[in-house]
Amino acid sequence: MRRAARLLPVLALIVLTLAVAGCGGDEQGGPSVSPVDPGPEVQLAGRATTLELDLLTIGVMADNQVELGAVRPAVAVSNRARFPITGGSVTQNTVVGTIDHAGGLVLRKGDRVVTVAGLVADTRSGQLLARIGARRLPLANLDVALERRVQRGATIVVTDIPATLTVAAADALNRGLGSSVFVANLPLGTATIRATGVA
């Protein structure tokens, strides 16, 4: 009986070792998944991020006499806004990093004006940061999924990125315009990033 008792821990160790080996070395017992190689860091030099503005949101703004325009060199036409990329850096395969933009948006309601500028897409945190008036805060939440990324020559493209307004931005815009139009998670639209690196 003593010999059998001494063998039990040894047998348990063997069984545990075989079980771990059978599941690819994953200590949690799940399948082993190889992480995506992020690739080299790319210093960004140009192209643009385009935002297809949500038509329902544009309609609600119009119904509440809120007008939307662009701060050059950004361009806003109909329901599309385009912001030139001026810098930043991201990993080539996973697009993790920051993307700097020029220009911005201007919102007007009567004689009150709010400028949204200094846009920086932080794909690590999944947020679009901006300067609203004198404050710098997260403007929108971005759903940057890796499967939407493609490489077109020297250009990194990430498509169909949903953007929704943050609580902080909604409060800042409402205070600046004297309105109650903006609410958290209001859909701003869908963004597409087209970025090229330094040659």
N, C-alpha and C. Protein backbone atom coordinates (compact mmCIF):
# COMPACT_ATOMS: atom_id res chain seq x y z
N MET A 1 0.82 -1.21 0.00
CA MET A 1 0.00 0.00 0.00
C MET A 1 0.85 1.25 0.00
N ARG A 2 1.99 1.23 0.76
CA ARG A 2 2.86 2.38 0.80
C ARG A 2 3.44 2.67 -0.56
N ARG A 3 3.86 1.56 -1.29
CA ARG A 3 4.44 1.74 -2.62
C ARG A 3 3.40 2.34 -3.57
N ALA A 4 2.16 1.85 -3.47
CA ALA A 4 1.11 2.37 -4.33
C ALA A 4 0.86 3.84 -4.02
N ALA A 5 0.89 4.20 -2.76
CA ALA A 5 0.66 5.59 -2.38
C ALA A 5 1.75 6.50 -2.93
N ARG A 6 3.02 5.96 -2.91
CA ARG A 6 4.12 6.77 -3.44
C ARG A 6 4.01 6.93 -4.95
N LEU A 7 3.42 5.95 -5.66
CA LEU A 7 3.33 6.00 -7.12
C LEU A 7 2.25 6.97 -7.61
N LEU A 8 1.25 7.23 -6.76
CA LEU A 8 0.13 8.06 -7.22
C LEU A 8 0.57 9.45 -7.68
N PRO A 9 1.43 10.18 -6.92
CA PRO A 9 1.86 11.49 -7.43
C PRO A 9 2.63 11.40 -8.73
N VAL A 10 3.44 10.34 -8.90
CA VAL A 10 4.21 10.17 -10.13
C VAL A 10 3.28 9.95 -11.31
N LEU A 11 2.27 9.07 -11.13
CA LEU A 11 1.32 8.81 -12.21
C LEU A 11 0.53 10.07 -12.55
N ALA A 12 0.15 10.83 -11.52
CA ALA A 12 -0.59 12.07 -11.78
C ALA A 12 0.24 13.04 -12.58
N LEU A 13 1.56 13.12 -12.28
CA LEU A 13 2.45 14.02 -13.02
C LEU A 13 2.56 13.60 -14.47
N ILE A 14 2.65 12.28 -14.73
CA ILE A 14 2.74 11.77 -16.10
C ILE A 14 1.48 12.11 -16.89
N VAL A 15 0.31 11.87 -16.26
CA VAL A 15 -0.95 12.16 -16.93
C VAL A 15 -1.06 13.64 -17.26
N LEU A 16 -0.67 14.50 -16.30
CA LEU A 16 -0.74 15.95 -16.52
C LEU A 16 0.20 16.37 -17.66
N THR A 17 1.39 15.78 -17.69
CA THR A 17 2.35 16.11 -18.75
C THR A 17 1.81 15.72 -20.12
N LEU A 18 1.21 14.53 -20.23
CA LEU A 18 0.64 14.08 -21.49
C LEU A 18 -0.52 14.97 -21.91
N ALA A 19 -1.33 15.39 -20.95
CA ALA A 19 -2.48 16.24 -21.27
C ALA A 19 -2.03 17.58 -21.81
N VAL A 20 -1.00 18.17 -21.18
CA VAL A 20 -0.49 19.45 -21.65
C VAL A 20 0.11 19.32 -23.03
N ALA A 21 0.87 18.25 -23.25
CA ALA A 21 1.46 18.02 -24.58
C ALA A 21 0.40 17.83 -25.63
N GLY A 22 -0.71 17.19 -25.27
CA GLY A 22 -1.77 16.94 -26.24
C GLY A 22 -2.53 18.18 -26.64
N CYS A 23 -2.48 19.25 -25.83
CA CYS A 23 -3.21 20.46 -26.19
C CYS A 23 -2.26 21.56 -26.63
N GLY A 24 -1.11 21.19 -27.12
CA GLY A 24 -0.20 22.16 -27.71
C GLY A 24 0.50 23.04 -26.71
N GLY A 25 0.60 22.60 -25.45
CA GLY A 25 1.34 23.36 -24.46
C GLY A 25 0.54 24.48 -23.83
N ASP A 26 -0.75 24.56 -24.10
CA ASP A 26 -1.59 25.60 -23.51
C ASP A 26 -1.98 25.19 -22.11
N GLU A 27 -1.53 25.93 -21.09
CA GLU A 27 -1.78 25.55 -19.71
C GLU A 27 -3.25 25.65 -19.36
N GLN A 28 -4.04 26.42 -20.14
CA GLN A 28 -5.46 26.55 -19.86
C GLN A 28 -6.27 25.41 -20.46
N GLY A 29 -5.64 24.54 -21.23
CA GLY A 29 -6.34 23.41 -21.81
C GLY A 29 -7.01 23.70 -23.12
N GLY A 30 -6.92 24.96 -23.63
CA GLY A 30 -7.53 25.32 -24.90
C GLY A 30 -6.56 25.13 -26.04
N PRO A 31 -7.01 25.40 -27.27
CA PRO A 31 -6.13 25.26 -28.42
C PRO A 31 -5.03 26.29 -28.41
N SER A 32 -3.87 25.91 -28.91
CA SER A 32 -2.74 26.83 -28.98
C SER A 32 -2.90 27.72 -30.20
N VAL A 33 -2.84 29.05 -30.00
CA VAL A 33 -3.02 30.00 -31.09
C VAL A 33 -1.75 30.83 -31.25
N SER A 34 -1.19 30.86 -32.44
CA SER A 34 0.01 31.64 -32.69
C SER A 34 -0.38 33.10 -32.86
N PRO A 35 0.29 34.02 -32.13
CA PRO A 35 -0.04 35.44 -32.28
C PRO A 35 0.37 35.94 -33.66
N VAL A 36 -0.34 36.95 -34.15
CA VAL A 36 -0.03 37.53 -35.45
C VAL A 36 1.26 38.33 -35.33
N ASP A 37 2.17 38.12 -36.26
CA ASP A 37 3.40 38.89 -36.30
C ASP A 37 3.05 40.33 -36.65
N PRO A 38 3.33 41.31 -35.77
CA PRO A 38 2.95 42.69 -36.07
C PRO A 38 3.71 43.28 -37.25
N GLY A 39 4.87 42.70 -37.57
CA GLY A 39 5.66 43.23 -38.68
C GLY A 39 6.41 44.49 -38.28
N PRO A 40 7.11 45.09 -39.21
CA PRO A 40 7.90 46.29 -38.90
C PRO A 40 7.02 47.50 -38.64
N GLU A 41 7.57 48.46 -37.91
CA GLU A 41 6.85 49.72 -37.69
C GLU A 41 7.01 50.60 -38.92
N VAL A 42 5.90 51.14 -39.37
CA VAL A 42 5.90 51.99 -40.57
C VAL A 42 5.65 53.44 -40.16
N GLN A 43 6.58 54.32 -40.51
CA GLN A 43 6.39 55.75 -40.28
C GLN A 43 5.49 56.29 -41.39
N LEU A 44 4.39 56.89 -41.01
CA LEU A 44 3.39 57.31 -42.00
C LEU A 44 3.73 58.69 -42.57
N ALA A 45 3.41 58.84 -43.86
CA ALA A 45 3.76 60.08 -44.55
C ALA A 45 2.60 60.72 -45.28
N GLY A 46 1.55 59.95 -45.59
CA GLY A 46 0.50 60.56 -46.39
C GLY A 46 -0.73 59.71 -46.57
N ARG A 47 -1.56 60.12 -47.54
CA ARG A 47 -2.90 59.65 -47.87
C ARG A 47 -3.88 60.17 -46.84
N ALA A 48 -5.01 59.52 -46.62
CA ALA A 48 -6.08 60.15 -45.85
C ALA A 48 -7.00 59.11 -45.20
N THR A 49 -7.75 59.61 -44.21
CA THR A 49 -8.85 58.85 -43.61
C THR A 49 -10.15 59.49 -44.07
N THR A 50 -11.04 58.66 -44.61
CA THR A 50 -12.34 59.14 -45.10
C THR A 50 -13.44 58.64 -44.17
N LEU A 51 -14.33 59.54 -43.79
CA LEU A 51 -15.45 59.17 -42.93
C LEU A 51 -16.75 59.35 -43.69
N GLU A 52 -17.43 58.21 -43.92
CA GLU A 52 -18.78 58.24 -44.50
C GLU A 52 -19.75 58.50 -43.35
N LEU A 53 -20.28 59.72 -43.31
CA LEU A 53 -21.11 60.13 -42.19
C LEU A 53 -22.46 59.41 -42.19
N ASP A 54 -22.91 59.05 -40.99
CA ASP A 54 -24.18 58.36 -40.84
C ASP A 54 -25.33 59.28 -41.26
N LEU A 55 -26.15 58.82 -42.18
CA LEU A 55 -27.21 59.66 -42.74
C LEU A 55 -28.28 60.02 -41.71
N LEU A 56 -28.61 59.10 -40.81
CA LEU A 56 -29.60 59.40 -39.78
C LEU A 56 -29.08 60.47 -38.82
N THR A 57 -27.80 60.37 -38.48
CA THR A 57 -27.19 61.38 -37.60
C THR A 57 -27.15 62.74 -38.27
N ILE A 58 -26.79 62.77 -39.56
CA ILE A 58 -26.79 64.02 -40.31
C ILE A 58 -28.20 64.62 -40.34
N GLY A 59 -29.22 63.76 -40.50
CA GLY A 59 -30.60 64.22 -40.51
C GLY A 59 -31.03 64.82 -39.18
N VAL A 60 -30.64 64.18 -38.08
CA VAL A 60 -30.98 64.69 -36.75
C VAL A 60 -30.30 66.04 -36.51
N MET A 61 -29.05 66.17 -36.94
CA MET A 61 -28.35 67.45 -36.80
C MET A 61 -29.06 68.54 -37.59
N ALA A 62 -29.45 68.22 -38.82
CA ALA A 62 -30.15 69.21 -39.66
C ALA A 62 -31.48 69.62 -39.04
N ASP A 63 -32.20 68.65 -38.48
CA ASP A 63 -33.49 68.95 -37.85
C ASP A 63 -33.33 69.88 -36.64
N ASN A 64 -32.13 69.86 -36.03
CA ASN A 64 -31.86 70.69 -34.87
C ASN A 64 -30.98 71.90 -35.21
N GLN A 65 -30.96 72.25 -36.50
CA GLN A 65 -30.24 73.43 -37.00
C GLN A 65 -28.75 73.41 -36.68
N VAL A 66 -28.15 72.22 -36.67
CA VAL A 66 -26.70 72.10 -36.49
C VAL A 66 -26.08 71.87 -37.87
N GLU A 67 -25.23 72.81 -38.29
CA GLU A 67 -24.57 72.71 -39.59
C GLU A 67 -23.16 72.16 -39.42
N LEU A 68 -22.72 71.41 -40.43
CA LEU A 68 -21.41 70.76 -40.38
C LEU A 68 -20.56 71.22 -41.55
N GLY A 69 -19.33 71.60 -41.26
CA GLY A 69 -18.39 71.99 -42.31
C GLY A 69 -17.01 71.45 -42.00
N ALA A 70 -16.04 71.80 -42.82
CA ALA A 70 -14.68 71.28 -42.69
C ALA A 70 -13.69 72.38 -42.36
N VAL A 71 -12.64 72.01 -41.64
CA VAL A 71 -11.49 72.88 -41.41
C VAL A 71 -10.39 72.42 -42.36
N ARG A 72 -9.98 73.30 -43.27
CA ARG A 72 -8.96 72.92 -44.26
C ARG A 72 -7.66 72.50 -43.59
N PRO A 73 -6.94 71.52 -44.22
CA PRO A 73 -7.16 70.97 -45.56
C PRO A 73 -8.14 69.79 -45.61
N ALA A 74 -8.86 69.53 -44.54
CA ALA A 74 -9.92 68.53 -44.61
C ALA A 74 -11.03 69.03 -45.54
N VAL A 75 -11.80 68.09 -46.08
CA VAL A 75 -12.88 68.43 -46.99
C VAL A 75 -14.13 67.67 -46.55
N ALA A 76 -15.27 68.37 -46.50
CA ALA A 76 -16.55 67.73 -46.19
C ALA A 76 -17.54 68.07 -47.30
N VAL A 77 -17.99 67.03 -48.01
CA VAL A 77 -18.95 67.20 -49.10
C VAL A 77 -20.07 66.20 -48.90
N SER A 78 -21.30 66.69 -48.86
CA SER A 78 -22.47 65.83 -48.65
C SER A 78 -22.29 65.05 -47.35
N ASN A 79 -22.26 63.72 -47.42
CA ASN A 79 -22.12 62.93 -46.20
C ASN A 79 -20.73 62.31 -46.10
N ARG A 80 -19.73 62.92 -46.69
CA ARG A 80 -18.37 62.37 -46.65
C ARG A 80 -17.38 63.44 -46.22
N ALA A 81 -16.50 63.09 -45.27
CA ALA A 81 -15.43 63.98 -44.82
C ALA A 81 -14.10 63.27 -45.03
N ARG A 82 -13.11 64.03 -45.49
CA ARG A 82 -11.78 63.46 -45.78
C ARG A 82 -10.72 64.26 -45.03
N PHE A 83 -9.88 63.52 -44.26
CA PHE A 83 -8.84 64.14 -43.44
C PHE A 83 -7.46 63.65 -43.89
N PRO A 84 -6.61 64.53 -44.41
CA PRO A 84 -5.28 64.10 -44.84
C PRO A 84 -4.44 63.56 -43.68
N ILE A 85 -3.69 62.49 -43.93
CA ILE A 85 -2.78 61.93 -42.93
C ILE A 85 -1.44 62.65 -43.03
N THR A 86 -0.94 63.11 -41.89
CA THR A 86 0.30 63.89 -41.88
C THR A 86 1.46 63.19 -41.18
N GLY A 87 1.20 62.13 -40.43
CA GLY A 87 2.27 61.46 -39.71
C GLY A 87 1.74 60.37 -38.81
N GLY A 88 2.61 59.95 -37.88
CA GLY A 88 2.28 58.84 -37.00
C GLY A 88 3.04 57.59 -37.41
N SER A 89 2.77 56.50 -36.74
CA SER A 89 3.41 55.23 -37.09
C SER A 89 2.52 54.08 -36.64
N VAL A 90 2.52 53.00 -37.44
CA VAL A 90 1.74 51.80 -37.12
C VAL A 90 2.56 50.57 -37.49
N THR A 91 2.24 49.44 -36.89
CA THR A 91 2.85 48.18 -37.30
C THR A 91 2.22 47.75 -38.62
N GLN A 92 3.04 47.21 -39.49
CA GLN A 92 2.59 46.93 -40.86
C GLN A 92 1.49 45.89 -40.93
N ASN A 93 1.57 44.82 -40.12
CA ASN A 93 0.62 43.72 -40.25
C ASN A 93 -0.61 43.86 -39.36
N THR A 94 -0.51 44.60 -38.26
CA THR A 94 -1.64 44.71 -37.34
C THR A 94 -2.17 46.14 -37.21
N VAL A 95 -1.51 47.09 -37.84
CA VAL A 95 -1.94 48.51 -37.86
C VAL A 95 -2.14 49.04 -36.44
N VAL A 96 -1.25 48.68 -35.54
CA VAL A 96 -1.30 49.18 -34.16
C VAL A 96 -0.39 50.39 -34.05
N GLY A 97 -0.93 51.50 -33.58
CA GLY A 97 -0.15 52.71 -33.42
C GLY A 97 -1.04 53.94 -33.47
N THR A 98 -0.48 55.04 -33.93
CA THR A 98 -1.23 56.29 -34.01
C THR A 98 -1.13 56.88 -35.41
N ILE A 99 -2.19 57.56 -35.83
CA ILE A 99 -2.26 58.16 -37.16
C ILE A 99 -2.69 59.61 -36.99
N ASP A 100 -1.83 60.54 -37.40
CA ASP A 100 -2.10 61.97 -37.24
C ASP A 100 -2.77 62.52 -38.50
N HIS A 101 -3.69 63.47 -38.30
CA HIS A 101 -4.43 64.06 -39.41
C HIS A 101 -4.39 65.59 -39.37
N ALA A 102 -4.50 66.19 -40.54
CA ALA A 102 -4.63 67.64 -40.65
C ALA A 102 -6.10 68.01 -40.82
N GLY A 103 -6.42 69.26 -40.50
CA GLY A 103 -7.79 69.73 -40.68
C GLY A 103 -8.71 69.24 -39.58
N GLY A 104 -10.00 69.33 -39.83
CA GLY A 104 -10.98 68.91 -38.84
C GLY A 104 -12.38 69.26 -39.28
N LEU A 105 -13.28 69.36 -38.33
CA LEU A 105 -14.67 69.69 -38.60
C LEU A 105 -15.08 70.92 -37.81
N VAL A 106 -16.06 71.65 -38.33
CA VAL A 106 -16.62 72.78 -37.61
C VAL A 106 -18.13 72.61 -37.57
N LEU A 107 -18.71 72.77 -36.38
CA LEU A 107 -20.15 72.64 -36.18
C LEU A 107 -20.71 73.99 -35.77
N ARG A 108 -21.84 74.39 -36.37
CA ARG A 108 -22.47 75.67 -36.08
C ARG A 108 -23.94 75.47 -35.72
N LYS A 109 -24.37 76.19 -34.73
CA LYS A 109 -25.80 76.25 -34.39
C LYS A 109 -26.10 77.70 -34.02
N GLY A 110 -26.78 78.39 -34.92
CA GLY A 110 -27.00 79.82 -34.71
C GLY A 110 -25.69 80.56 -34.73
N ASP A 111 -25.41 81.31 -33.67
CA ASP A 111 -24.15 82.06 -33.60
C ASP A 111 -23.09 81.33 -32.78
N ARG A 112 -23.33 80.07 -32.45
CA ARG A 112 -22.37 79.29 -31.66
C ARG A 112 -21.61 78.34 -32.57
N VAL A 113 -20.29 78.27 -32.38
CA VAL A 113 -19.42 77.47 -33.25
C VAL A 113 -18.50 76.61 -32.38
N VAL A 114 -18.34 75.35 -32.77
CA VAL A 114 -17.39 74.44 -32.12
C VAL A 114 -16.50 73.83 -33.19
N THR A 115 -15.19 73.91 -32.95
CA THR A 115 -14.22 73.33 -33.89
C THR A 115 -13.67 72.02 -33.32
N VAL A 116 -13.62 71.01 -34.17
CA VAL A 116 -13.05 69.70 -33.81
C VAL A 116 -11.83 69.50 -34.70
N ALA A 117 -10.63 69.53 -34.11
CA ALA A 117 -9.40 69.47 -34.91
C ALA A 117 -8.35 68.62 -34.18
N GLY A 118 -7.15 68.55 -34.78
CA GLY A 118 -6.07 67.77 -34.17
C GLY A 118 -6.40 66.30 -34.05
N LEU A 119 -6.99 65.72 -35.09
CA LEU A 119 -7.46 64.33 -35.03
C LEU A 119 -6.29 63.34 -35.03
N VAL A 120 -6.32 62.43 -34.07
CA VAL A 120 -5.33 61.35 -33.99
C VAL A 120 -6.07 60.04 -33.77
N ALA A 121 -5.94 59.12 -34.73
CA ALA A 121 -6.54 57.79 -34.57
C ALA A 121 -5.56 56.92 -33.79
N ASP A 122 -5.94 56.48 -32.61
CA ASP A 122 -5.12 55.59 -31.78
C ASP A 122 -5.71 54.19 -31.89
N THR A 123 -5.11 53.37 -32.75
CA THR A 123 -5.67 52.04 -32.99
C THR A 123 -5.35 51.08 -31.85
N ARG A 124 -4.43 51.47 -30.97
CA ARG A 124 -4.15 50.63 -29.80
C ARG A 124 -5.30 50.70 -28.81
N SER A 125 -5.82 51.90 -28.56
CA SER A 125 -6.93 52.06 -27.63
C SER A 125 -8.28 51.99 -28.32
N GLY A 126 -8.28 52.05 -29.68
CA GLY A 126 -9.53 52.02 -30.43
C GLY A 126 -10.30 53.31 -30.29
N GLN A 127 -9.57 54.46 -30.29
CA GLN A 127 -10.25 55.74 -30.16
C GLN A 127 -9.71 56.77 -31.16
N LEU A 128 -10.58 57.68 -31.52
CA LEU A 128 -10.18 58.84 -32.31
C LEU A 128 -10.13 60.03 -31.36
N LEU A 129 -8.94 60.56 -31.14
CA LEU A 129 -8.74 61.67 -30.23
C LEU A 129 -8.84 62.98 -30.99
N ALA A 130 -9.28 64.04 -30.32
CA ALA A 130 -9.44 65.32 -30.99
C ALA A 130 -9.38 66.45 -29.98
N ARG A 131 -9.18 67.65 -30.49
CA ARG A 131 -9.26 68.86 -29.69
C ARG A 131 -10.61 69.52 -29.98
N ILE A 132 -11.45 69.58 -28.96
CA ILE A 132 -12.77 70.21 -29.10
C ILE A 132 -12.73 71.50 -28.29
N GLY A 133 -12.72 72.62 -29.00
CA GLY A 133 -12.50 73.89 -28.32
C GLY A 133 -11.09 73.89 -27.75
N ALA A 134 -10.97 74.09 -26.44
CA ALA A 134 -9.66 74.11 -25.79
C ALA A 134 -9.29 72.78 -25.16
N ARG A 135 -10.18 71.80 -25.25
CA ARG A 135 -9.95 70.52 -24.57
C ARG A 135 -9.56 69.43 -25.55
N ARG A 136 -8.64 68.56 -25.10
CA ARG A 136 -8.29 67.39 -25.91
C ARG A 136 -8.91 66.17 -25.26
N LEU A 137 -9.69 65.41 -26.03
CA LEU A 137 -10.42 64.28 -25.45
C LEU A 137 -10.76 63.27 -26.53
N PRO A 138 -11.20 62.07 -26.14
CA PRO A 138 -11.60 61.07 -27.14
C PRO A 138 -12.89 61.50 -27.83
N LEU A 139 -12.84 61.61 -29.14
CA LEU A 139 -14.02 62.02 -29.91
C LEU A 139 -14.91 60.83 -30.22
N ALA A 140 -14.28 59.73 -30.64
CA ALA A 140 -15.07 58.57 -31.09
C ALA A 140 -14.39 57.27 -30.72
N ASN A 141 -15.19 56.24 -30.55
CA ASN A 141 -14.68 54.87 -30.41
C ASN A 141 -14.60 54.25 -31.80
N LEU A 142 -13.47 53.59 -32.08
CA LEU A 142 -13.24 52.98 -33.39
C LEU A 142 -13.14 51.47 -33.24
N ASP A 143 -13.84 50.75 -34.10
CA ASP A 143 -13.75 49.29 -34.10
C ASP A 143 -12.81 48.89 -35.24
N VAL A 144 -11.49 48.84 -34.93
CA VAL A 144 -10.49 48.55 -35.96
C VAL A 144 -10.18 47.06 -35.92
N ALA A 145 -10.86 46.28 -36.74
CA ALA A 145 -10.67 44.83 -36.79
C ALA A 145 -9.60 44.48 -37.81
N LEU A 146 -8.73 43.55 -37.43
CA LEU A 146 -7.59 43.18 -38.28
C LEU A 146 -8.03 42.62 -39.62
N GLU A 147 -9.18 41.93 -39.66
CA GLU A 147 -9.61 41.30 -40.91
C GLU A 147 -10.01 42.33 -41.97
N ARG A 148 -10.16 43.59 -41.56
CA ARG A 148 -10.52 44.62 -42.53
C ARG A 148 -9.28 45.28 -43.14
N ARG A 149 -8.09 44.80 -42.80
CA ARG A 149 -6.85 45.40 -43.28
C ARG A 149 -6.37 44.70 -44.54
N VAL A 150 -5.95 45.48 -45.55
CA VAL A 150 -5.36 44.93 -46.76
C VAL A 150 -4.14 45.77 -47.10
N GLN A 151 -3.22 45.17 -47.86
CA GLN A 151 -2.03 45.89 -48.32
C GLN A 151 -2.15 46.07 -49.82
N ARG A 152 -2.10 47.32 -50.26
CA ARG A 152 -2.16 47.62 -51.68
C ARG A 152 -0.88 48.34 -52.08
N GLY A 153 0.11 47.54 -52.46
CA GLY A 153 1.41 48.10 -52.77
C GLY A 153 2.02 48.68 -51.51
N ALA A 154 2.37 49.96 -51.55
CA ALA A 154 2.97 50.63 -50.39
C ALA A 154 1.91 51.23 -49.47
N THR A 155 0.64 51.01 -49.77
CA THR A 155 -0.45 51.62 -49.00
C THR A 155 -1.13 50.60 -48.10
N ILE A 156 -1.25 50.95 -46.82
CA ILE A 156 -2.01 50.14 -45.86
C ILE A 156 -3.45 50.66 -45.87
N VAL A 157 -4.40 49.75 -46.06
CA VAL A 157 -5.81 50.14 -46.13
C VAL A 157 -6.59 49.37 -45.07
N VAL A 158 -7.35 50.08 -44.26
CA VAL A 158 -8.27 49.45 -43.30
C VAL A 158 -9.66 50.02 -43.59
N THR A 159 -10.61 49.15 -43.90
CA THR A 159 -11.93 49.58 -44.35
C THR A 159 -13.01 49.30 -43.32
N ASP A 160 -14.17 49.93 -43.52
CA ASP A 160 -15.38 49.64 -42.73
C ASP A 160 -15.16 49.71 -41.23
N ILE A 161 -14.65 50.85 -40.75
CA ILE A 161 -14.39 51.04 -39.32
C ILE A 161 -15.54 51.83 -38.71
N PRO A 162 -16.41 51.20 -37.93
CA PRO A 162 -17.50 51.95 -37.30
C PRO A 162 -16.96 52.95 -36.28
N ALA A 163 -17.50 54.17 -36.30
CA ALA A 163 -17.10 55.21 -35.36
C ALA A 163 -18.33 55.71 -34.62
N THR A 164 -18.27 55.68 -33.28
CA THR A 164 -19.40 56.13 -32.46
C THR A 164 -18.92 57.19 -31.47
N LEU A 165 -19.76 58.16 -31.19
CA LEU A 165 -19.40 59.30 -30.35
C LEU A 165 -19.21 58.85 -28.89
N THR A 166 -18.21 59.45 -28.23
CA THR A 166 -17.97 59.15 -26.82
C THR A 166 -18.82 60.05 -25.92
N VAL A 167 -18.91 59.67 -24.66
CA VAL A 167 -19.65 60.47 -23.67
C VAL A 167 -19.03 61.86 -23.54
N ALA A 168 -17.69 61.90 -23.43
CA ALA A 168 -17.00 63.18 -23.24
C ALA A 168 -17.21 64.11 -24.42
N ALA A 169 -17.16 63.57 -25.64
CA ALA A 169 -17.36 64.40 -26.83
C ALA A 169 -18.79 64.89 -26.92
N ALA A 170 -19.75 64.03 -26.62
CA ALA A 170 -21.16 64.44 -26.66
C ALA A 170 -21.41 65.60 -25.70
N ASP A 171 -20.85 65.51 -24.49
CA ASP A 171 -21.03 66.58 -23.50
C ASP A 171 -20.38 67.88 -23.99
N ALA A 172 -19.17 67.77 -24.55
CA ALA A 172 -18.45 68.96 -25.01
C ALA A 172 -19.18 69.64 -26.16
N LEU A 173 -19.68 68.85 -27.10
CA LEU A 173 -20.39 69.42 -28.24
C LEU A 173 -21.70 70.08 -27.81
N ASN A 174 -22.44 69.43 -26.94
CA ASN A 174 -23.70 70.00 -26.47
C ASN A 174 -23.48 71.30 -25.71
N ARG A 175 -22.45 71.33 -24.87
CA ARG A 175 -22.15 72.57 -24.12
C ARG A 175 -21.74 73.69 -25.08
N GLY A 176 -20.88 73.34 -26.04
CA GLY A 176 -20.39 74.36 -26.96
C GLY A 176 -21.47 74.93 -27.86
N LEU A 177 -22.43 74.09 -28.25
CA LEU A 177 -23.48 74.53 -29.17
C LEU A 177 -24.77 74.92 -28.47
N GLY A 178 -24.83 74.67 -27.16
CA GLY A 178 -26.07 74.95 -26.44
C GLY A 178 -27.21 74.07 -26.93
N SER A 179 -26.92 72.77 -27.10
CA SER A 179 -27.91 71.85 -27.65
C SER A 179 -27.97 70.59 -26.81
N SER A 180 -28.87 69.70 -27.20
CA SER A 180 -28.95 68.37 -26.58
C SER A 180 -28.98 67.30 -27.68
N VAL A 181 -28.41 67.64 -28.83
CA VAL A 181 -28.45 66.76 -30.01
C VAL A 181 -27.60 65.51 -29.81
N PHE A 182 -26.44 65.68 -29.17
CA PHE A 182 -25.44 64.62 -29.17
C PHE A 182 -25.54 63.75 -27.92
N VAL A 183 -25.45 62.44 -28.14
CA VAL A 183 -25.51 61.47 -27.05
C VAL A 183 -24.40 60.45 -27.23
N ALA A 184 -24.04 59.79 -26.14
CA ALA A 184 -23.01 58.75 -26.21
C ALA A 184 -23.43 57.63 -27.15
N ASN A 185 -22.45 57.10 -27.89
CA ASN A 185 -22.63 56.00 -28.85
C ASN A 185 -23.43 56.41 -30.08
N LEU A 186 -23.64 57.71 -30.28
CA LEU A 186 -24.28 58.17 -31.51
C LEU A 186 -23.40 57.75 -32.69
N PRO A 187 -23.94 57.05 -33.69
CA PRO A 187 -23.10 56.63 -34.82
C PRO A 187 -22.67 57.83 -35.66
N LEU A 188 -21.35 58.02 -35.77
CA LEU A 188 -20.82 59.09 -36.61
C LEU A 188 -20.71 58.65 -38.06
N GLY A 189 -20.44 57.37 -38.28
CA GLY A 189 -20.30 56.87 -39.64
C GLY A 189 -19.30 55.74 -39.70
N THR A 190 -18.79 55.51 -40.90
CA THR A 190 -17.84 54.43 -41.15
C THR A 190 -16.59 55.01 -41.78
N ALA A 191 -15.44 54.69 -41.22
CA ALA A 191 -14.17 55.26 -41.68
C ALA A 191 -13.37 54.25 -42.50
N THR A 192 -12.58 54.80 -43.41
CA THR A 192 -11.60 54.02 -44.17
C THR A 192 -10.26 54.74 -44.08
N ILE A 193 -9.24 54.00 -43.65
CA ILE A 193 -7.89 54.56 -43.53
C ILE A 193 -7.06 54.08 -44.72
N ARG A 194 -6.44 55.02 -45.42
CA ARG A 194 -5.47 54.70 -46.47
C ARG A 194 -4.19 55.45 -46.14
N ALA A 195 -3.16 54.71 -45.73
CA ALA A 195 -1.94 55.33 -45.24
C ALA A 195 -0.72 54.79 -45.97
N THR A 196 0.20 55.69 -46.30
CA THR A 196 1.47 55.28 -46.93
C THR A 196 2.61 55.66 -46.02
N GLY A 197 3.69 54.85 -46.09
CA GLY A 197 4.85 55.10 -45.24
C GLY A 197 5.87 56.00 -45.90
N VAL A 198 6.87 56.36 -45.12
CA VAL A 198 7.96 57.19 -45.61
C VAL A 198 8.77 56.37 -46.61
N ALA A 199 9.05 56.96 -47.78
CA ALA A 199 9.80 56.23 -48.81
C ALA A 199 11.25 56.07 -48.38
